[in-house]
N, C-alpha and C. Protein backbone atom coordinates (compact mmCIF):
# COMPACT_ATOMS: atom_id res chain seq x y z
N MET A 1 -1.21 75.41 -29.32
CA MET A 1 -1.21 73.96 -29.50
C MET A 1 -0.58 73.25 -28.30
N VAL A 2 0.58 73.71 -27.86
CA VAL A 2 1.25 73.09 -26.71
C VAL A 2 0.63 73.65 -25.43
N ASN A 3 0.16 72.74 -24.56
CA ASN A 3 -0.44 73.23 -23.32
C ASN A 3 0.21 72.60 -22.08
N LYS A 4 -0.24 73.05 -20.93
CA LYS A 4 0.34 72.63 -19.65
C LYS A 4 0.27 71.12 -19.44
N ASN A 5 -0.85 70.50 -19.85
CA ASN A 5 -1.01 69.04 -19.69
C ASN A 5 0.05 68.27 -20.46
N HIS A 6 0.35 68.73 -21.67
CA HIS A 6 1.37 68.07 -22.48
C HIS A 6 2.73 68.15 -21.77
N ILE A 7 3.03 69.35 -21.28
CA ILE A 7 4.32 69.60 -20.64
C ILE A 7 4.44 68.76 -19.35
N THR A 8 3.38 68.70 -18.56
CA THR A 8 3.38 67.92 -17.32
C THR A 8 3.59 66.44 -17.63
N PHE A 9 2.85 65.93 -18.60
CA PHE A 9 2.95 64.52 -18.99
C PHE A 9 4.38 64.18 -19.40
N LEU A 10 4.96 64.98 -20.32
CA LEU A 10 6.30 64.70 -20.84
C LEU A 10 7.37 64.86 -19.76
N SER A 11 7.20 65.83 -18.88
CA SER A 11 8.17 66.07 -17.81
C SER A 11 8.20 64.90 -16.83
N LYS A 12 7.05 64.28 -16.59
CA LYS A 12 6.98 63.11 -15.69
C LYS A 12 7.57 61.87 -16.36
N LYS A 13 7.40 61.76 -17.67
CA LYS A 13 7.83 60.57 -18.41
C LYS A 13 9.33 60.55 -18.69
N ASP A 14 9.97 61.73 -18.75
CA ASP A 14 11.33 61.80 -19.28
C ASP A 14 12.11 62.93 -18.61
N LYS A 15 13.08 62.56 -17.76
CA LYS A 15 13.85 63.57 -17.00
C LYS A 15 14.71 64.44 -17.91
N ILE A 16 15.29 63.85 -18.95
CA ILE A 16 16.12 64.62 -19.88
C ILE A 16 15.26 65.64 -20.61
N LEU A 17 14.11 65.19 -21.08
CA LEU A 17 13.19 66.09 -21.78
C LEU A 17 12.67 67.18 -20.84
N LYS A 18 12.45 66.82 -19.58
CA LYS A 18 11.99 67.80 -18.59
C LYS A 18 12.96 68.98 -18.52
N LYS A 19 14.26 68.66 -18.50
CA LYS A 19 15.29 69.71 -18.45
C LYS A 19 15.25 70.56 -19.73
N ILE A 20 15.08 69.91 -20.87
CA ILE A 20 15.02 70.63 -22.16
C ILE A 20 13.80 71.57 -22.17
N ILE A 21 12.67 71.08 -21.66
CA ILE A 21 11.44 71.88 -21.59
C ILE A 21 11.68 73.11 -20.71
N GLU A 22 12.32 72.90 -19.56
CA GLU A 22 12.58 74.01 -18.62
C GLU A 22 13.52 75.07 -19.21
N GLN A 23 14.42 74.65 -20.09
CA GLN A 23 15.44 75.56 -20.63
C GLN A 23 15.02 76.27 -21.91
N ASN A 24 13.86 75.93 -22.44
CA ASN A 24 13.45 76.49 -23.74
C ASN A 24 12.06 77.09 -23.67
N ARG A 25 11.82 78.02 -24.60
CA ARG A 25 10.50 78.65 -24.64
C ARG A 25 9.48 77.67 -25.21
N LYS A 26 8.24 77.90 -24.88
CA LYS A 26 7.15 77.03 -25.35
C LYS A 26 6.99 77.20 -26.86
N PRO A 27 7.06 76.10 -27.63
CA PRO A 27 6.92 76.21 -29.09
C PRO A 27 5.53 76.68 -29.49
N GLN A 28 5.49 77.48 -30.53
CA GLN A 28 4.22 77.99 -31.06
C GLN A 28 4.02 77.46 -32.49
N ILE A 29 2.83 77.02 -32.77
CA ILE A 29 2.50 76.60 -34.13
C ILE A 29 1.20 77.26 -34.51
N SER A 30 1.20 77.89 -35.67
CA SER A 30 -0.04 78.54 -36.11
C SER A 30 -0.85 77.58 -36.97
N LYS A 31 -2.13 77.85 -37.07
CA LYS A 31 -3.03 77.02 -37.87
C LYS A 31 -2.74 77.26 -39.36
N SER A 32 -2.78 76.21 -40.13
CA SER A 32 -2.49 76.32 -41.55
C SER A 32 -3.59 77.09 -42.29
N LYS A 33 -3.15 77.91 -43.24
CA LYS A 33 -4.11 78.63 -44.08
C LYS A 33 -4.21 78.01 -45.48
N ASP A 34 -3.17 77.29 -45.89
CA ASP A 34 -3.13 76.78 -47.26
C ASP A 34 -2.23 75.54 -47.33
N TYR A 35 -2.86 74.36 -47.42
CA TYR A 35 -2.11 73.10 -47.45
C TYR A 35 -1.17 73.00 -48.65
N VAL A 36 -1.58 73.56 -49.78
CA VAL A 36 -0.76 73.49 -50.99
C VAL A 36 0.55 74.26 -50.78
N LEU A 37 0.44 75.48 -50.28
CA LEU A 37 1.65 76.27 -50.01
C LEU A 37 2.49 75.65 -48.90
N ASP A 38 1.83 75.04 -47.92
CA ASP A 38 2.56 74.34 -46.86
C ASP A 38 3.46 73.27 -47.47
N LEU A 39 2.90 72.46 -48.36
CA LEU A 39 3.68 71.38 -48.97
C LEU A 39 4.82 71.93 -49.81
N CYS A 40 4.58 73.05 -50.49
CA CYS A 40 5.66 73.70 -51.25
C CYS A 40 6.79 74.09 -50.29
N LYS A 41 6.42 74.63 -49.14
CA LYS A 41 7.41 75.04 -48.14
C LYS A 41 8.23 73.83 -47.68
N TYR A 42 7.55 72.72 -47.36
CA TYR A 42 8.27 71.56 -46.85
C TYR A 42 9.18 70.97 -47.94
N ILE A 43 8.76 71.02 -49.18
CA ILE A 43 9.61 70.56 -50.28
C ILE A 43 10.85 71.45 -50.39
N ILE A 44 10.65 72.75 -50.31
CA ILE A 44 11.78 73.69 -50.36
C ILE A 44 12.77 73.40 -49.23
N PHE A 45 12.26 73.05 -48.05
CA PHE A 45 13.11 72.81 -46.88
C PHE A 45 13.78 71.44 -46.88
N GLN A 46 13.42 70.56 -47.82
CA GLN A 46 14.02 69.23 -47.86
C GLN A 46 15.54 69.34 -48.01
N GLN A 47 16.27 68.73 -47.09
CA GLN A 47 17.72 68.55 -47.17
C GLN A 47 18.53 69.85 -47.29
N ILE A 48 18.00 70.96 -46.75
CA ILE A 48 18.79 72.19 -46.69
C ILE A 48 18.64 72.80 -45.30
N SER A 49 19.50 73.76 -44.98
CA SER A 49 19.44 74.38 -43.65
C SER A 49 18.18 75.22 -43.52
N THR A 50 17.79 75.45 -42.27
CA THR A 50 16.61 76.29 -42.00
C THR A 50 16.80 77.68 -42.58
N LYS A 51 18.00 78.23 -42.39
CA LYS A 51 18.29 79.59 -42.88
C LYS A 51 18.11 79.68 -44.40
N ALA A 52 18.68 78.72 -45.13
CA ALA A 52 18.54 78.70 -46.59
C ALA A 52 17.08 78.49 -46.98
N GLY A 53 16.39 77.61 -46.26
CA GLY A 53 14.98 77.34 -46.55
C GLY A 53 14.11 78.57 -46.40
N ILE A 54 14.33 79.33 -45.33
CA ILE A 54 13.55 80.55 -45.10
C ILE A 54 13.77 81.54 -46.24
N SER A 55 15.02 81.71 -46.62
CA SER A 55 15.37 82.66 -47.67
C SER A 55 14.73 82.28 -49.01
N ILE A 56 14.83 81.01 -49.38
CA ILE A 56 14.27 80.54 -50.65
C ILE A 56 12.74 80.59 -50.61
N PHE A 57 12.16 80.16 -49.49
CA PHE A 57 10.70 80.17 -49.39
C PHE A 57 10.15 81.59 -49.48
N ASN A 58 10.82 82.54 -48.86
CA ASN A 58 10.38 83.95 -48.95
C ASN A 58 10.41 84.45 -50.39
N ARG A 59 11.46 84.10 -51.13
CA ARG A 59 11.54 84.49 -52.55
C ARG A 59 10.42 83.81 -53.34
N PHE A 60 10.17 82.53 -53.02
CA PHE A 60 9.11 81.78 -53.70
C PHE A 60 7.75 82.45 -53.47
N ILE A 61 7.45 82.78 -52.21
CA ILE A 61 6.15 83.40 -51.86
C ILE A 61 6.00 84.76 -52.53
N ASN A 62 7.05 85.57 -52.53
CA ASN A 62 6.99 86.88 -53.18
C ASN A 62 6.67 86.75 -54.66
N TYR A 63 7.32 85.81 -55.32
CA TYR A 63 7.08 85.61 -56.74
C TYR A 63 5.69 85.00 -56.96
N TYR A 64 5.35 84.03 -56.12
CA TYR A 64 4.06 83.34 -56.22
C TYR A 64 2.89 84.33 -56.08
N ASN A 65 2.99 85.26 -55.14
CA ASN A 65 1.90 86.21 -54.89
C ASN A 65 1.54 87.05 -56.11
N SER A 66 2.49 87.29 -56.99
CA SER A 66 2.15 88.04 -58.20
C SER A 66 2.04 87.17 -59.45
N ASN A 67 2.28 85.87 -59.31
CA ASN A 67 2.23 84.96 -60.48
C ASN A 67 1.54 83.64 -60.16
N LYS A 68 0.60 83.65 -59.21
CA LYS A 68 0.03 82.39 -58.73
C LYS A 68 -0.82 81.65 -59.75
N ASN A 69 -1.33 82.36 -60.75
CA ASN A 69 -2.24 81.71 -61.69
C ASN A 69 -1.54 81.02 -62.86
N ASN A 70 -0.22 81.15 -62.94
CA ASN A 70 0.45 80.54 -64.09
C ASN A 70 1.71 79.78 -63.71
N ILE A 71 1.67 79.04 -62.61
CA ILE A 71 2.84 78.30 -62.14
C ILE A 71 3.43 77.38 -63.21
N PRO A 72 2.62 76.65 -63.97
CA PRO A 72 3.22 75.79 -65.01
C PRO A 72 3.97 76.59 -66.08
N ASP A 73 3.69 77.89 -66.18
CA ASP A 73 4.35 78.73 -67.18
C ASP A 73 5.60 79.44 -66.66
N TRP A 74 5.90 79.31 -65.35
CA TRP A 74 7.12 79.94 -64.86
C TRP A 74 8.29 79.35 -65.62
N ASN A 75 9.18 80.21 -66.11
CA ASN A 75 10.30 79.66 -66.88
C ASN A 75 11.47 79.29 -65.96
N GLN A 76 12.42 78.57 -66.54
CA GLN A 76 13.56 78.05 -65.80
C GLN A 76 14.34 79.15 -65.07
N ASP A 77 14.49 80.30 -65.71
CA ASP A 77 15.22 81.41 -65.09
C ASP A 77 14.53 81.92 -63.83
N GLU A 78 13.19 81.94 -63.87
CA GLU A 78 12.43 82.41 -62.70
C GLU A 78 12.64 81.46 -61.51
N TRP A 79 12.57 80.16 -61.78
CA TRP A 79 12.80 79.16 -60.72
C TRP A 79 14.22 79.29 -60.18
N LYS A 80 15.17 79.50 -61.09
CA LYS A 80 16.58 79.61 -60.71
C LYS A 80 16.82 80.84 -59.83
N LYS A 81 16.19 81.97 -60.19
CA LYS A 81 16.32 83.21 -59.40
C LYS A 81 15.79 83.00 -57.98
N ILE A 82 14.71 82.24 -57.87
CA ILE A 82 14.13 81.94 -56.56
C ILE A 82 15.10 81.07 -55.75
N GLY A 83 15.85 80.21 -56.46
CA GLY A 83 16.81 79.32 -55.79
C GLY A 83 16.32 77.89 -55.69
N ILE A 84 15.38 77.53 -56.57
CA ILE A 84 14.79 76.19 -56.53
C ILE A 84 15.38 75.34 -57.66
N SER A 85 15.87 74.16 -57.28
CA SER A 85 16.48 73.25 -58.24
C SER A 85 15.41 72.69 -59.19
N ASN A 86 15.88 72.13 -60.29
CA ASN A 86 14.98 71.51 -61.26
C ASN A 86 14.12 70.42 -60.63
N ARG A 87 14.76 69.61 -59.79
CA ARG A 87 14.04 68.50 -59.15
C ARG A 87 12.93 69.03 -58.25
N LYS A 88 13.25 70.03 -57.41
CA LYS A 88 12.23 70.59 -56.50
C LYS A 88 11.16 71.35 -57.28
N LYS A 89 11.54 71.97 -58.38
CA LYS A 89 10.56 72.64 -59.26
C LYS A 89 9.50 71.62 -59.71
N THR A 90 9.96 70.45 -60.15
CA THR A 90 9.04 69.38 -60.59
C THR A 90 8.15 68.94 -59.43
N TYR A 91 8.73 68.79 -58.24
CA TYR A 91 7.95 68.37 -57.08
C TYR A 91 6.88 69.40 -56.73
N ILE A 92 7.24 70.68 -56.79
CA ILE A 92 6.28 71.75 -56.49
C ILE A 92 5.17 71.77 -57.54
N GLU A 93 5.53 71.58 -58.79
CA GLU A 93 4.51 71.51 -59.85
C GLU A 93 3.57 70.33 -59.60
N ASN A 94 4.11 69.20 -59.12
CA ASN A 94 3.27 68.03 -58.79
C ASN A 94 2.26 68.38 -57.71
N VAL A 95 2.68 69.18 -56.73
CA VAL A 95 1.77 69.61 -55.66
C VAL A 95 0.61 70.40 -56.27
N PHE A 96 0.93 71.33 -57.17
CA PHE A 96 -0.14 72.14 -57.78
C PHE A 96 -1.05 71.31 -58.68
N TYR A 97 -0.50 70.30 -59.36
CA TYR A 97 -1.33 69.42 -60.20
C TYR A 97 -2.30 68.61 -59.34
N ASN A 98 -1.94 68.39 -58.07
CA ASN A 98 -2.77 67.59 -57.16
C ASN A 98 -3.46 68.44 -56.09
N GLN A 99 -3.60 69.74 -56.34
CA GLN A 99 -4.10 70.63 -55.28
C GLN A 99 -5.53 70.33 -54.84
N LYS A 100 -6.37 69.81 -55.74
CA LYS A 100 -7.76 69.49 -55.33
C LYS A 100 -7.76 68.41 -54.26
N GLN A 101 -6.99 67.33 -54.51
CA GLN A 101 -6.93 66.22 -53.54
C GLN A 101 -6.30 66.70 -52.23
N ILE A 102 -5.28 67.55 -52.33
CA ILE A 102 -4.60 68.06 -51.13
C ILE A 102 -5.57 68.89 -50.28
N ARG A 103 -6.36 69.73 -50.91
CA ARG A 103 -7.30 70.58 -50.17
C ARG A 103 -8.39 69.75 -49.48
N LEU A 104 -8.70 68.59 -50.05
CA LEU A 104 -9.71 67.71 -49.43
C LEU A 104 -9.23 67.17 -48.07
N LEU A 105 -7.93 67.21 -47.84
CA LEU A 105 -7.38 66.71 -46.57
C LEU A 105 -7.76 67.58 -45.39
N LYS A 106 -8.32 68.76 -45.64
CA LYS A 106 -8.80 69.65 -44.56
C LYS A 106 -9.79 68.91 -43.66
N LYS A 107 -10.60 68.04 -44.28
CA LYS A 107 -11.67 67.36 -43.55
C LYS A 107 -11.21 66.05 -42.92
N ILE A 108 -9.94 65.68 -43.11
CA ILE A 108 -9.46 64.37 -42.66
C ILE A 108 -8.36 64.54 -41.61
N ASP A 109 -8.48 63.77 -40.52
CA ASP A 109 -7.47 63.84 -39.46
C ASP A 109 -6.67 62.55 -39.29
N ASP A 110 -7.07 61.48 -39.97
CA ASP A 110 -6.40 60.19 -39.83
C ASP A 110 -5.01 60.24 -40.48
N PRO A 111 -3.93 60.19 -39.65
CA PRO A 111 -2.58 60.31 -40.20
C PRO A 111 -2.23 59.23 -41.22
N SER A 112 -2.74 58.01 -41.03
CA SER A 112 -2.45 56.91 -41.98
C SER A 112 -3.06 57.20 -43.34
N PHE A 113 -4.30 57.68 -43.34
CA PHE A 113 -4.97 58.03 -44.60
C PHE A 113 -4.22 59.17 -45.29
N ILE A 114 -3.87 60.20 -44.53
CA ILE A 114 -3.15 61.35 -45.09
C ILE A 114 -1.82 60.89 -45.68
N ARG A 115 -1.10 60.05 -44.94
CA ARG A 115 0.19 59.54 -45.42
C ARG A 115 0.01 58.77 -46.73
N ASP A 116 -1.01 57.90 -46.77
CA ASP A 116 -1.27 57.10 -47.99
C ASP A 116 -1.59 57.99 -49.19
N GLU A 117 -2.31 59.09 -48.95
CA GLU A 117 -2.67 59.99 -50.05
C GLU A 117 -1.47 60.82 -50.53
N LEU A 118 -0.73 61.37 -49.60
CA LEU A 118 0.36 62.27 -49.97
C LEU A 118 1.55 61.54 -50.59
N ILE A 119 1.80 60.31 -50.14
CA ILE A 119 2.96 59.56 -50.65
C ILE A 119 2.82 59.27 -52.15
N LYS A 120 1.59 59.33 -52.66
CA LYS A 120 1.35 59.10 -54.09
C LYS A 120 1.89 60.23 -54.97
N ILE A 121 2.12 61.39 -54.36
CA ILE A 121 2.59 62.55 -55.13
C ILE A 121 4.11 62.53 -55.18
N LYS A 122 4.66 62.45 -56.38
CA LYS A 122 6.12 62.37 -56.53
C LYS A 122 6.78 63.61 -55.95
N GLY A 123 7.77 63.37 -55.09
CA GLY A 123 8.47 64.47 -54.44
C GLY A 123 8.07 64.63 -52.98
N ILE A 124 7.00 63.94 -52.58
CA ILE A 124 6.56 63.98 -51.19
C ILE A 124 6.89 62.63 -50.55
N GLY A 125 7.83 62.68 -49.60
CA GLY A 125 8.23 61.47 -48.88
C GLY A 125 7.82 61.56 -47.43
N ASN A 126 8.35 60.64 -46.63
CA ASN A 126 7.94 60.56 -45.23
C ASN A 126 8.26 61.82 -44.42
N TRP A 127 9.45 62.41 -44.64
CA TRP A 127 9.81 63.61 -43.89
C TRP A 127 8.82 64.74 -44.19
N THR A 128 8.51 64.93 -45.47
CA THR A 128 7.59 66.00 -45.87
C THR A 128 6.20 65.75 -45.28
N ILE A 129 5.78 64.50 -45.27
CA ILE A 129 4.48 64.15 -44.69
C ILE A 129 4.49 64.40 -43.17
N ASP A 130 5.59 64.05 -42.52
CA ASP A 130 5.69 64.33 -41.07
C ASP A 130 5.57 65.83 -40.80
N MET A 131 6.25 66.65 -41.62
CA MET A 131 6.15 68.11 -41.45
C MET A 131 4.71 68.58 -41.65
N PHE A 132 4.04 68.00 -42.65
CA PHE A 132 2.64 68.33 -42.93
C PHE A 132 1.76 67.97 -41.73
N LEU A 133 1.95 66.77 -41.18
CA LEU A 133 1.14 66.32 -40.05
C LEU A 133 1.39 67.18 -38.81
N ILE A 134 2.64 67.61 -38.61
CA ILE A 134 2.97 68.44 -37.45
C ILE A 134 2.48 69.87 -37.64
N PHE A 135 2.94 70.51 -38.73
CA PHE A 135 2.73 71.95 -38.87
C PHE A 135 1.43 72.33 -39.57
N SER A 136 0.91 71.47 -40.42
CA SER A 136 -0.33 71.80 -41.14
C SER A 136 -1.56 71.21 -40.45
N LYS A 137 -1.44 69.94 -40.01
CA LYS A 137 -2.58 69.28 -39.37
C LYS A 137 -2.54 69.40 -37.84
N ASN A 138 -1.41 69.87 -37.28
CA ASN A 138 -1.26 70.01 -35.82
C ASN A 138 -1.52 68.70 -35.08
N ASN A 139 -1.08 67.59 -35.66
CA ASN A 139 -1.19 66.29 -35.00
C ASN A 139 -0.18 66.23 -33.86
N LEU A 140 -0.61 65.83 -32.69
CA LEU A 140 0.23 65.87 -31.49
C LEU A 140 1.16 64.67 -31.32
N ASP A 141 0.99 63.63 -32.14
CA ASP A 141 1.74 62.39 -31.87
C ASP A 141 2.59 61.94 -33.07
N ILE A 142 3.40 62.86 -33.61
CA ILE A 142 4.26 62.55 -34.75
C ILE A 142 5.72 62.65 -34.34
N PHE A 143 6.49 61.63 -34.69
CA PHE A 143 7.94 61.66 -34.48
C PHE A 143 8.62 61.51 -35.84
N PRO A 144 9.20 62.59 -36.37
CA PRO A 144 9.82 62.53 -37.70
C PRO A 144 11.22 61.91 -37.65
N ASP A 145 11.24 60.57 -37.72
CA ASP A 145 12.52 59.87 -37.55
C ASP A 145 13.48 60.05 -38.73
N GLY A 146 13.02 60.75 -39.77
CA GLY A 146 13.90 61.06 -40.89
C GLY A 146 14.51 62.45 -40.80
N ASP A 147 14.29 63.14 -39.68
CA ASP A 147 14.83 64.49 -39.52
C ASP A 147 16.20 64.40 -38.86
N LEU A 148 17.24 64.68 -39.65
CA LEU A 148 18.61 64.51 -39.19
C LEU A 148 18.95 65.39 -37.98
N ALA A 149 18.49 66.63 -37.98
CA ALA A 149 18.77 67.53 -36.85
C ALA A 149 18.16 66.96 -35.56
N LEU A 150 16.94 66.45 -35.66
CA LEU A 150 16.26 65.87 -34.49
C LEU A 150 17.00 64.63 -34.00
N ILE A 151 17.37 63.76 -34.93
CA ILE A 151 18.08 62.53 -34.56
C ILE A 151 19.41 62.87 -33.88
N ASN A 152 20.12 63.86 -34.42
CA ASN A 152 21.41 64.23 -33.84
C ASN A 152 21.29 64.84 -32.46
N VAL A 153 20.25 65.65 -32.24
CA VAL A 153 20.08 66.25 -30.91
C VAL A 153 19.71 65.16 -29.89
N ILE A 154 18.94 64.17 -30.30
CA ILE A 154 18.60 63.07 -29.38
C ILE A 154 19.85 62.25 -29.06
N LYS A 155 20.65 61.95 -30.08
CA LYS A 155 21.91 61.22 -29.85
C LYS A 155 22.79 61.94 -28.83
N SER A 156 22.85 63.26 -28.98
CA SER A 156 23.69 64.07 -28.10
C SER A 156 23.13 64.15 -26.68
N LYS A 157 21.85 64.43 -26.55
CA LYS A 157 21.25 64.64 -25.22
C LYS A 157 21.05 63.33 -24.45
N TYR A 158 20.75 62.24 -25.19
CA TYR A 158 20.44 60.97 -24.53
C TYR A 158 21.60 59.97 -24.57
N HIS A 159 22.68 60.34 -25.24
CA HIS A 159 23.87 59.48 -25.36
C HIS A 159 23.52 58.09 -25.90
N VAL A 160 22.83 58.10 -27.02
CA VAL A 160 22.47 56.86 -27.73
C VAL A 160 23.02 56.95 -29.16
N ASP A 161 23.10 55.79 -29.81
CA ASP A 161 23.65 55.75 -31.17
C ASP A 161 22.68 55.26 -32.23
N SER A 162 21.88 54.28 -31.88
CA SER A 162 21.08 53.61 -32.92
C SER A 162 19.69 54.23 -33.07
N ILE A 163 19.16 54.08 -34.28
CA ILE A 163 17.80 54.56 -34.55
C ILE A 163 16.79 53.77 -33.71
N GLU A 164 17.10 52.51 -33.42
CA GLU A 164 16.20 51.68 -32.58
C GLU A 164 16.09 52.28 -31.18
N GLN A 165 17.23 52.70 -30.63
CA GLN A 165 17.21 53.33 -29.30
C GLN A 165 16.41 54.64 -29.33
N ILE A 166 16.60 55.39 -30.41
CA ILE A 166 15.91 56.68 -30.55
C ILE A 166 14.40 56.47 -30.66
N ILE A 167 13.99 55.51 -31.46
CA ILE A 167 12.55 55.19 -31.60
C ILE A 167 12.00 54.76 -30.24
N GLY A 168 12.78 53.96 -29.51
CA GLY A 168 12.37 53.52 -28.17
C GLY A 168 12.13 54.69 -27.24
N ILE A 169 13.02 55.68 -27.28
CA ILE A 169 12.86 56.89 -26.45
C ILE A 169 11.59 57.63 -26.86
N SER A 170 11.37 57.77 -28.17
CA SER A 170 10.21 58.53 -28.65
C SER A 170 8.89 57.88 -28.27
N LYS A 171 8.88 56.56 -28.13
CA LYS A 171 7.63 55.85 -27.80
C LYS A 171 7.08 56.27 -26.45
N LYS A 172 7.97 56.59 -25.49
CA LYS A 172 7.47 56.98 -24.16
C LYS A 172 6.84 58.37 -24.16
N TRP A 173 7.04 59.13 -25.24
CA TRP A 173 6.44 60.46 -25.34
C TRP A 173 5.00 60.42 -25.84
N SER A 174 4.58 59.27 -26.38
CA SER A 174 3.23 59.16 -26.94
C SER A 174 2.20 59.37 -25.82
N PRO A 175 1.12 60.09 -26.03
CA PRO A 175 0.57 60.60 -27.30
C PRO A 175 1.01 62.03 -27.66
N TYR A 176 2.16 62.47 -27.15
CA TYR A 176 2.61 63.85 -27.41
C TYR A 176 4.01 63.90 -28.03
N LYS A 177 4.27 62.98 -28.94
CA LYS A 177 5.59 62.93 -29.59
C LYS A 177 5.91 64.24 -30.31
N THR A 178 4.91 64.86 -30.89
CA THR A 178 5.12 66.13 -31.60
C THR A 178 5.62 67.21 -30.63
N VAL A 179 5.03 67.28 -29.46
CA VAL A 179 5.40 68.30 -28.47
C VAL A 179 6.87 68.09 -28.06
N ALA A 180 7.24 66.84 -27.82
CA ALA A 180 8.64 66.53 -27.47
C ALA A 180 9.57 66.95 -28.61
N THR A 181 9.17 66.63 -29.83
CA THR A 181 9.95 66.98 -31.03
C THR A 181 10.13 68.49 -31.13
N LEU A 182 9.07 69.24 -30.90
CA LEU A 182 9.14 70.70 -30.99
C LEU A 182 10.11 71.27 -29.97
N TYR A 183 10.09 70.71 -28.76
CA TYR A 183 11.03 71.18 -27.74
C TYR A 183 12.47 70.84 -28.10
N LEU A 184 12.68 69.66 -28.67
CA LEU A 184 14.04 69.28 -29.09
C LEU A 184 14.53 70.20 -30.20
N TRP A 185 13.65 70.55 -31.13
CA TRP A 185 14.02 71.53 -32.17
C TRP A 185 14.31 72.89 -31.54
N GLU A 186 13.48 73.29 -30.59
CA GLU A 186 13.71 74.57 -29.89
C GLU A 186 15.11 74.61 -29.27
N SER A 187 15.53 73.48 -28.73
CA SER A 187 16.83 73.43 -28.05
C SER A 187 17.99 73.67 -29.02
N LEU A 188 17.73 73.53 -30.32
CA LEU A 188 18.75 73.80 -31.34
C LEU A 188 18.81 75.27 -31.70
N GLY A 189 17.78 76.03 -31.31
CA GLY A 189 17.72 77.45 -31.66
C GLY A 189 17.63 77.68 -33.15
N ASP A 190 17.01 76.72 -33.86
CA ASP A 190 16.95 76.75 -35.32
C ASP A 190 15.49 76.86 -35.73
N ASP A 191 14.98 78.08 -35.74
CA ASP A 191 13.53 78.30 -35.91
C ASP A 191 13.00 77.84 -37.25
N PHE A 192 12.13 76.85 -37.22
CA PHE A 192 11.41 76.43 -38.42
C PHE A 192 10.21 77.36 -38.53
N PRO A 193 10.01 77.97 -39.69
CA PRO A 193 8.87 78.91 -39.79
C PRO A 193 7.56 78.14 -39.76
N ASN A 194 6.71 78.41 -38.77
CA ASN A 194 5.47 77.63 -38.66
C ASN A 194 4.28 78.39 -39.21
């Protein structure tokens, strides 16, 4: 997904980002195989560390692979063993109740349309949609301004404080805001499973 043209463009536009690009490996993103499971993953990762998210998602996938046909019948103890809270359990169930509409998004690339469709599903907010657009749809121009780790790394590297300043910085990365975001995440050494 990330290519030489993206790197050249961003390096010319932003000296700080150029240094970050030079110091980090090129981010890799694989093509999505299942939008429904992707959304479950992003819900699991909401407001927890990457390490905890990976651990819980792996338990979820292991259990899901042998019980995928009866998700509404999973009992409370099973969800608890996986490490998923009641609230996230409800959100994941909402994803499965809406799986037909979610799978139809394979044919759609318009981020505004995708955002409008996904926001209707309870438990899916802007951060989750941004993750979907980046990792599932491979959209190159997404800046997830609700990602605390990203905001903090920008504050630190660019010596800015306000979200307005941060949004201003991200605008110069367009049309490759996603690529800049991926490099900033790389600089944290906190691997998001793609």
